[in-house]
N, C-alpha and C. Protein backbone atom coordinates (compact mmCIF):
# COMPACT_ATOMS: atom_id res chain seq x y z
N MET A 1 13.37 -3.83 -10.68
CA MET A 1 12.23 -3.52 -10.49
C MET A 1 11.05 -4.26 -10.88
N MET A 2 11.29 -4.35 -12.21
CA MET A 2 10.19 -4.88 -13.14
C MET A 2 9.76 -6.27 -12.79
N THR A 3 11.13 -7.16 -12.64
CA THR A 3 10.79 -8.47 -12.25
C THR A 3 9.95 -8.73 -10.96
N LEU A 4 10.40 -7.74 -10.11
CA LEU A 4 9.63 -7.75 -8.67
C LEU A 4 7.97 -7.81 -8.89
N LEU A 5 7.77 -6.60 -9.96
CA LEU A 5 6.26 -6.56 -10.38
C LEU A 5 5.71 -7.77 -10.96
N VAL A 6 6.54 -8.14 -11.73
CA VAL A 6 5.81 -9.47 -12.55
C VAL A 6 5.56 -10.36 -11.58
N TRP A 7 6.62 -10.76 -10.61
CA TRP A 7 6.31 -11.81 -9.49
C TRP A 7 5.19 -11.60 -8.72
N PHE A 8 4.97 -10.32 -8.24
CA PHE A 8 3.98 -9.93 -7.52
C PHE A 8 2.55 -10.29 -8.28
N LYS A 9 2.47 -9.90 -9.37
CA LYS A 9 1.22 -10.03 -10.17
C LYS A 9 1.07 -11.39 -10.41
N LYS A 10 2.09 -12.46 -10.40
CA LYS A 10 2.06 -13.77 -10.76
C LYS A 10 1.52 -14.52 -9.36
N VAL A 11 1.91 -14.01 -8.24
CA VAL A 11 1.67 -14.67 -7.00
C VAL A 11 0.47 -14.24 -6.48
N PHE A 12 0.13 -12.86 -6.62
CA PHE A 12 -1.09 -12.22 -6.12
C PHE A 12 -1.90 -11.62 -7.42
N PRO A 13 -2.55 -12.63 -8.19
CA PRO A 13 -3.49 -11.87 -9.23
C PRO A 13 -4.72 -11.25 -8.64
N PRO A 14 -5.25 -10.12 -9.32
CA PRO A 14 -6.47 -9.68 -8.72
C PRO A 14 -7.49 -10.57 -8.48
N GLY A 15 -7.94 -10.40 -7.42
CA GLY A 15 -9.25 -11.18 -7.16
C GLY A 15 -9.04 -12.49 -6.66
N SER A 16 -7.66 -12.88 -6.23
CA SER A 16 -7.45 -14.31 -5.83
C SER A 16 -7.50 -14.26 -4.33
N ARG A 17 -7.51 -15.44 -3.85
CA ARG A 17 -7.72 -15.70 -2.43
C ARG A 17 -6.53 -15.42 -1.72
N ALA A 18 -5.37 -15.70 -2.36
CA ALA A 18 -3.96 -15.31 -1.76
C ALA A 18 -4.12 -13.61 -1.54
N ARG A 19 -4.36 -13.07 -2.42
CA ARG A 19 -4.31 -11.65 -2.36
C ARG A 19 -5.20 -11.16 -1.16
N LYS A 20 -6.31 -11.60 -1.03
CA LYS A 20 -7.33 -11.49 0.15
C LYS A 20 -6.90 -11.56 1.51
N VAL A 21 -6.44 -12.64 1.51
CA VAL A 21 -5.65 -13.40 3.01
C VAL A 21 -4.51 -12.50 3.18
N ALA A 22 -3.81 -12.11 2.19
CA ALA A 22 -2.51 -10.99 2.48
C ALA A 22 -3.05 -9.73 2.86
N GLY A 23 -4.13 -9.20 2.20
CA GLY A 23 -4.70 -8.04 2.58
C GLY A 23 -5.26 -8.02 4.05
N VAL A 24 -5.92 -9.10 4.41
CA VAL A 24 -6.51 -9.25 5.88
C VAL A 24 -5.52 -9.17 6.74
N LEU A 25 -4.37 -10.09 6.58
CA LEU A 25 -3.27 -9.96 7.40
C LEU A 25 -2.53 -8.62 7.49
N LEU A 26 -2.50 -8.01 6.59
CA LEU A 26 -1.80 -6.77 6.46
C LEU A 26 -2.45 -5.70 7.35
N ILE A 27 -3.86 -5.66 7.01
CA ILE A 27 -4.59 -4.65 7.82
C ILE A 27 -4.52 -5.14 9.29
N ILE A 28 -4.77 -6.47 9.89
CA ILE A 28 -4.68 -6.87 11.23
C ILE A 28 -3.28 -6.43 11.69
N LEU A 29 -2.21 -6.71 11.14
CA LEU A 29 -0.82 -6.22 11.51
C LEU A 29 -0.67 -4.76 11.77
N GLY A 30 -1.26 -3.85 10.89
CA GLY A 30 -1.18 -2.48 10.88
C GLY A 30 -1.94 -2.05 11.86
N PHE A 31 -3.22 -2.70 12.20
CA PHE A 31 -3.93 -2.16 13.42
C PHE A 31 -3.39 -2.64 14.78
N ILE A 32 -2.94 -3.67 14.85
CA ILE A 32 -1.95 -3.88 16.02
C ILE A 32 -0.78 -3.26 16.21
N ALA A 33 -0.24 -2.86 15.13
CA ALA A 33 1.14 -1.66 15.20
C ALA A 33 0.46 -0.28 15.58
N LEU A 34 -0.78 0.12 15.37
CA LEU A 34 -1.25 1.07 15.41
C LEU A 34 -1.63 1.39 16.85
N VAL A 35 -2.13 0.10 17.42
CA VAL A 35 -2.41 0.08 19.16
C VAL A 35 -1.47 0.07 19.99
N THR A 36 -0.37 -0.74 19.47
CA THR A 36 0.82 -0.87 20.38
C THR A 36 1.77 0.57 20.08
N PRO A 37 2.17 1.11 21.26
CA PRO A 37 2.99 2.18 21.17
C PRO A 37 4.28 2.10 20.61
N PHE A 38 5.08 0.94 20.63
CA PHE A 38 6.48 0.82 20.41
C PHE A 38 6.78 0.28 18.93
N SER A 39 5.67 0.12 18.20
CA SER A 39 5.89 -0.41 16.88
C SER A 39 5.33 0.49 15.73
N PRO A 40 6.26 0.97 14.86
CA PRO A 40 5.84 2.18 13.83
C PRO A 40 5.37 1.51 12.70
N GLY A 41 4.61 0.41 12.58
CA GLY A 41 4.03 -0.25 11.35
C GLY A 41 2.67 -0.13 11.08
N ALA A 42 2.09 1.16 11.56
CA ALA A 42 0.72 1.28 11.32
C ALA A 42 0.39 1.46 9.78
N TRP A 43 1.39 1.89 9.02
CA TRP A 43 1.11 2.06 7.40
C TRP A 43 0.62 0.67 6.73
N LEU A 44 0.85 -0.46 7.62
CA LEU A 44 0.55 -1.55 6.85
C LEU A 44 -1.06 -1.68 6.49
N ILE A 45 -1.73 -1.14 7.49
CA ILE A 45 -3.27 -0.83 7.18
C ILE A 45 -3.49 -0.36 5.70
N PHE A 46 -2.99 0.59 5.30
CA PHE A 46 -2.94 1.39 3.87
C PHE A 46 -2.59 0.25 2.94
N ILE A 47 -1.62 -0.67 3.06
CA ILE A 47 -1.14 -1.67 2.03
C ILE A 47 -2.15 -2.78 2.25
N GLY A 48 -2.68 -3.03 3.15
CA GLY A 48 -3.72 -4.12 3.07
C GLY A 48 -4.94 -3.62 2.54
N LEU A 49 -5.28 -2.43 2.56
CA LEU A 49 -6.65 -1.81 1.95
C LEU A 49 -6.31 -1.85 0.52
N GLU A 50 -4.97 -1.54 0.31
CA GLU A 50 -4.71 -1.65 -1.36
C GLU A 50 -4.60 -2.80 -1.93
N PHE A 51 -4.35 -4.07 -1.34
CA PHE A 51 -4.60 -5.33 -1.40
C PHE A 51 -5.92 -5.66 -2.01
N PHE A 52 -6.96 -5.02 -1.27
CA PHE A 52 -8.45 -5.17 -1.54
C PHE A 52 -8.92 -4.50 -2.54
N GLY A 53 -8.00 -3.34 -3.09
CA GLY A 53 -8.32 -2.60 -4.28
C GLY A 53 -9.04 -1.10 -4.02
N VAL A 54 -8.91 -0.95 -2.43
CA VAL A 54 -9.72 0.30 -1.97
C VAL A 54 -8.71 1.07 -2.11
N ARG A 55 -8.75 2.53 -3.06
CA ARG A 55 -7.85 3.46 -3.06
C ARG A 55 -8.12 4.62 -2.10
N LEU A 56 -6.97 4.92 -1.59
CA LEU A 56 -7.37 6.27 -0.60
C LEU A 56 -7.83 7.48 -1.48
N ALA A 57 -8.51 8.15 -0.57
CA ALA A 57 -9.49 9.14 -1.34
C ALA A 57 -8.63 10.36 -1.63
N LEU A 58 -7.31 10.55 -0.99
CA LEU A 58 -6.14 11.67 -1.22
C LEU A 58 -5.27 11.09 -2.23
N TRP A 59 -5.15 10.03 -2.78
CA TRP A 59 -4.15 9.34 -3.40
C TRP A 59 -3.79 10.25 -4.55
N ASP A 60 -4.69 10.60 -5.23
CA ASP A 60 -4.59 11.50 -6.54
C ASP A 60 -3.93 12.78 -6.17
N ARG A 61 -4.35 13.29 -5.24
CA ARG A 61 -3.98 14.76 -4.86
C ARG A 61 -2.62 14.53 -4.17
N LEU A 62 -2.26 13.44 -3.47
CA LEU A 62 -0.92 13.31 -3.00
C LEU A 62 0.09 12.96 -4.06
N LYS A 63 -0.25 12.34 -5.07
CA LYS A 63 0.55 12.21 -6.13
C LYS A 63 1.11 13.14 -7.05
N SER A 64 -0.23 14.02 -7.35
CA SER A 64 -0.03 15.26 -7.96
C SER A 64 0.85 16.41 -7.28
N TRP A 65 0.63 16.47 -6.08
CA TRP A 65 1.37 17.27 -4.99
C TRP A 65 3.02 16.67 -5.05
N TRP A 66 3.29 15.48 -4.95
CA TRP A 66 4.46 15.19 -4.72
C TRP A 66 5.22 15.16 -6.23
N GLY A 67 4.54 14.98 -7.24
CA GLY A 67 5.16 15.39 -8.52
C GLY A 67 5.46 16.75 -8.83
N LYS A 68 4.52 17.66 -8.35
CA LYS A 68 4.83 19.24 -8.69
C LYS A 68 6.05 19.32 -7.62
N LYS A 69 6.12 18.85 -6.59
CA LYS A 69 7.37 19.44 -5.48
C LYS A 69 8.58 18.88 -6.21
N TYR A 70 8.66 17.72 -6.62
CA TYR A 70 9.99 17.15 -7.29
C TYR A 70 10.20 17.72 -8.69
N ASN A 71 9.01 18.28 -9.25
CA ASN A 71 9.48 18.85 -10.48
C ASN A 71 9.82 19.94 -10.74
N ASP A 72 9.51 20.85 -9.62
CA ASP A 72 9.78 22.17 -9.35
C ASP A 72 11.44 22.12 -8.95
N ARG A 73 11.72 21.12 -8.26
CA ARG A 73 13.07 21.12 -7.83
C ARG A 73 14.16 20.91 -9.03
N ARG A 74 13.66 20.22 -9.95
CA ARG A 74 14.60 19.77 -11.09
C ARG A 74 14.62 20.89 -12.07
N ASP A 75 13.93 21.86 -12.01
CA ASP A 75 14.01 22.94 -13.22
C ASP A 75 14.96 24.12 -12.56
């Protein structure tokens, strides 16, 4: 897992042209998937926005909820 993260940071450094192009492509693919009824890939919009550095407004809330849910199961 860590080697994949290192590779990703090497190929797509923050603010690079490649990262912006990948973000735009993922947003476009996600929008096309959202419009077409047969492809379940609309989540690509959120990944494309993440490439641009746009955080989802509810991301911290979702992370805390997800952590509480699984921490309660472990106890």
